[in-house]
Amino acid sequence: MKPNHLPKNPPHDLKQLHEQVTTKLSQANYRYTDNRRRLVETLARYGRPVTLPDIINADPALAQSSIYRNLELLENIGVTCRIAIGSEHAHFELAEQLVGHHHHLICKACGTVQDVHLDLQIESLLEESLAQIASRANFSPLHHTLDLHGRCADCK
């Protein structure tokens, strides 16, 4: 499994991020509305997976129903992704195509989700191991996600 799921040009600033989101929306025949722009900016400012209440608190002018609809649309076109954590609130973040490949630490006690970026050597070892597992099962992987569940420092 090659790390072809890594973004070619992860956004380094909001201008580049907005250009990439505009392109994705345009390719799907959607406009980059003010509400979508504000939602993307909110997710970018957090820089980590956040819940719907986090998004509402960050920008109370965004209607909850609009946030839900826009998150669903943005997820469908590859701008955001949803991290489901049991029956609690889902977390949302910008898609790896935009911000780079990473993994998650998920606290089972409080529900926080923390992004983890592995160094290149560890990520390569993980890719090699997963490729071997896939090969033995005659499976063709596209990409991987790794969510490590446990307890955060605050909940130990």
Protein backbone atom coordinates (compact mmCIF):
# COMPACT_ATOMS: atom_id res chain seq x y z
CA MET A 1 0.00 0.00 0.00
CA LYS A 2 1.59 3.25 -1.13
CA PRO A 3 0.94 6.49 0.74
CA ASN A 4 -0.97 7.80 -2.30
CA HIS A 5 -3.71 9.03 0.02
CA LEU A 6 -1.43 11.84 1.15
CA PRO A 7 -2.39 15.27 -0.19
CA LYS A 8 -0.19 16.65 -2.91
CA ASN A 9 -0.59 20.22 -1.65
CA PRO A 10 -2.04 20.43 1.86
CA PRO A 11 -3.25 23.98 2.54
CA HIS A 12 -0.81 26.18 4.39
CA ASP A 13 -3.19 29.11 4.63
CA LEU A 14 -6.86 29.93 4.36
CA LYS A 15 -6.54 31.33 0.83
CA GLN A 16 -5.21 28.03 -0.51
CA LEU A 17 -7.80 26.09 1.50
CA HIS A 18 -10.63 28.20 0.08
CA GLU A 19 -9.30 27.71 -3.46
CA GLN A 20 -9.28 23.93 -2.99
CA VAL A 21 -12.79 23.91 -1.49
CA THR A 22 -14.07 26.19 -4.26
CA THR A 23 -12.70 23.74 -6.85
CA LYS A 24 -14.28 20.71 -5.16
CA LEU A 25 -17.66 22.42 -4.84
CA SER A 26 -17.53 23.68 -8.43
CA GLN A 27 -16.69 20.20 -9.73
CA ALA A 28 -19.80 18.93 -7.92
CA ASN A 29 -21.89 21.84 -9.31
CA TYR A 30 -22.25 23.66 -5.98
CA ARG A 31 -21.41 27.22 -4.98
CA TYR A 32 -19.12 28.20 -2.15
CA THR A 33 -21.72 30.11 -0.13
CA ASP A 34 -20.93 32.39 2.80
CA ASN A 35 -22.22 29.76 5.27
CA ARG A 36 -20.02 27.05 3.73
CA ARG A 37 -17.02 29.39 3.78
CA ARG A 38 -17.62 30.24 7.45
CA LEU A 39 -18.01 26.55 8.30
CA VAL A 40 -14.74 25.65 6.55
CA GLU A 41 -12.97 28.54 8.29
CA THR A 42 -14.31 27.39 11.67
CA LEU A 43 -13.00 23.86 11.10
CA ALA A 44 -9.65 25.24 9.91
CA ARG A 45 -9.33 27.52 12.95
CA TYR A 46 -9.91 24.64 15.35
CA GLY A 47 -7.35 22.50 13.53
CA ARG A 48 -8.70 19.37 15.23
CA PRO A 49 -11.89 17.30 15.16
CA VAL A 50 -14.78 19.21 16.73
CA THR A 51 -18.40 18.54 17.64
CA LEU A 52 -21.47 20.32 16.33
CA PRO A 53 -21.79 22.27 19.62
CA ASP A 54 -18.16 23.41 19.18
CA ILE A 55 -19.01 24.71 15.70
CA ILE A 56 -22.16 26.48 16.95
CA ASN A 57 -20.24 28.06 19.85
CA ALA A 58 -17.52 29.26 17.47
CA ASP A 59 -20.03 30.88 15.09
CA PRO A 60 -23.50 31.24 16.68
CA ALA A 61 -24.80 32.98 13.53
CA LEU A 62 -24.65 29.65 11.67
CA ALA A 63 -28.00 27.85 11.95
CA GLN A 64 -27.75 24.29 13.25
CA SER A 65 -29.83 22.94 10.36
CA SER A 66 -27.57 24.72 7.87
CA ILE A 67 -24.47 23.31 9.57
CA TYR A 68 -25.85 19.77 9.33
CA ARG A 69 -26.74 20.16 5.64
CA ASN A 70 -23.42 21.75 4.76
CA LEU A 71 -21.38 19.21 6.72
CA GLU A 72 -23.16 16.41 4.86
CA LEU A 73 -22.55 18.04 1.48
CA LEU A 74 -18.91 18.83 2.29
CA GLU A 75 -18.39 15.26 3.49
CA ASN A 76 -19.92 13.85 0.30
CA ILE A 77 -17.52 15.83 -1.90
CA GLY A 78 -14.43 15.11 0.22
CA VAL A 79 -13.95 18.41 2.04
CA THR A 80 -14.80 17.22 5.55
CA CYS A 81 -14.98 13.90 7.32
CA ARG A 82 -17.03 12.65 10.24
CA ILE A 83 -15.56 10.71 13.14
CA ALA A 84 -18.29 8.73 14.87
CA ILE A 85 -17.66 8.01 18.53
CA GLY A 86 -20.23 5.62 19.94
CA SER A 87 -23.58 7.23 20.64
CA GLU A 88 -22.03 10.58 21.57
CA HIS A 89 -21.65 13.58 19.29
CA ALA A 90 -19.86 12.95 16.05
CA HIS A 91 -16.73 14.98 15.47
CA PHE A 92 -15.99 16.77 12.21
CA GLU A 93 -12.75 17.91 10.61
CA LEU A 94 -11.34 18.93 7.27
CA ALA A 95 -10.57 15.93 5.05
CA GLU A 96 -7.06 14.51 4.80
CA GLN A 97 -6.95 15.52 1.13
CA LEU A 98 -6.85 19.11 2.38
CA VAL A 99 -4.89 18.96 5.63
CA GLY A 100 -2.69 15.88 5.35
CA HIS A 101 -2.76 12.30 6.54
CA HIS A 102 -3.08 11.78 10.29
CA HIS A 103 -4.53 9.49 12.94
CA HIS A 104 -6.66 10.01 16.06
CA LEU A 105 -6.48 9.44 19.80
CA ILE A 106 -10.05 9.07 21.09
CA CYS A 107 -10.84 9.35 24.80
CA LYS A 108 -13.60 6.89 25.70
CA ALA A 109 -14.33 8.81 28.92
CA CYS A 110 -14.81 12.41 27.75
CA GLY A 111 -15.03 11.90 23.98
CA THR A 112 -12.24 14.25 22.96
CA VAL A 113 -10.46 13.47 19.71
CA GLN A 114 -6.86 14.47 19.18
CA ASP A 115 -5.05 14.42 15.84
CA VAL A 116 -1.76 12.51 15.75
CA HIS A 117 0.84 12.87 13.02
CA LEU A 118 3.32 10.01 12.85
CA ASP A 119 6.87 10.63 11.74
CA LEU A 120 7.66 9.36 8.26
CA GLN A 121 9.57 6.28 9.44
CA ILE A 122 6.74 5.05 11.68
CA GLU A 123 4.10 5.81 9.02
CA SER A 124 6.15 3.84 6.47
CA LEU A 125 6.41 0.85 8.83
CA LEU A 126 2.66 1.00 9.40
CA GLU A 127 2.01 1.17 5.64
CA GLU A 128 4.31 -1.82 5.04
CA SER A 129 2.62 -3.87 7.76
CA LEU A 130 -0.84 -3.07 6.45
CA ALA A 131 0.25 -3.90 2.89
CA GLN A 132 1.47 -7.32 4.06
CA ILE A 133 -1.81 -8.01 5.86
CA ALA A 134 -3.78 -6.94 2.79
CA SER A 135 -1.63 -9.03 0.46
CA ARG A 136 -2.15 -12.18 2.54
CA ALA A 137 -5.92 -11.59 2.32
CA ASN A 138 -5.76 -10.81 -1.43
CA PHE A 139 -7.14 -7.36 -0.59
CA SER A 140 -6.42 -4.11 -2.45
CA PRO A 141 -6.30 -1.28 0.10
CA LEU A 142 -6.98 2.31 -0.89
CA HIS A 143 -5.95 4.03 2.34
CA HIS A 144 -6.00 3.49 6.07
CA THR A 145 -7.24 5.22 9.18
CA LEU A 146 -6.01 4.58 12.68
CA ASP A 147 -8.08 5.54 15.72
CA LEU A 148 -6.52 4.66 19.06
CA HIS A 149 -9.16 4.45 21.82
CA GLY A 150 -8.28 4.96 25.47
CA ARG A 151 -8.27 7.64 28.16
CA CYS A 152 -6.76 11.10 27.78
CA ALA A 153 -4.47 12.63 30.40
CA ASP A 154 -7.39 14.52 31.98
CA CYS A 155 -9.48 11.34 32.41
CA LYS A 156 -6.84 8.88 33.65
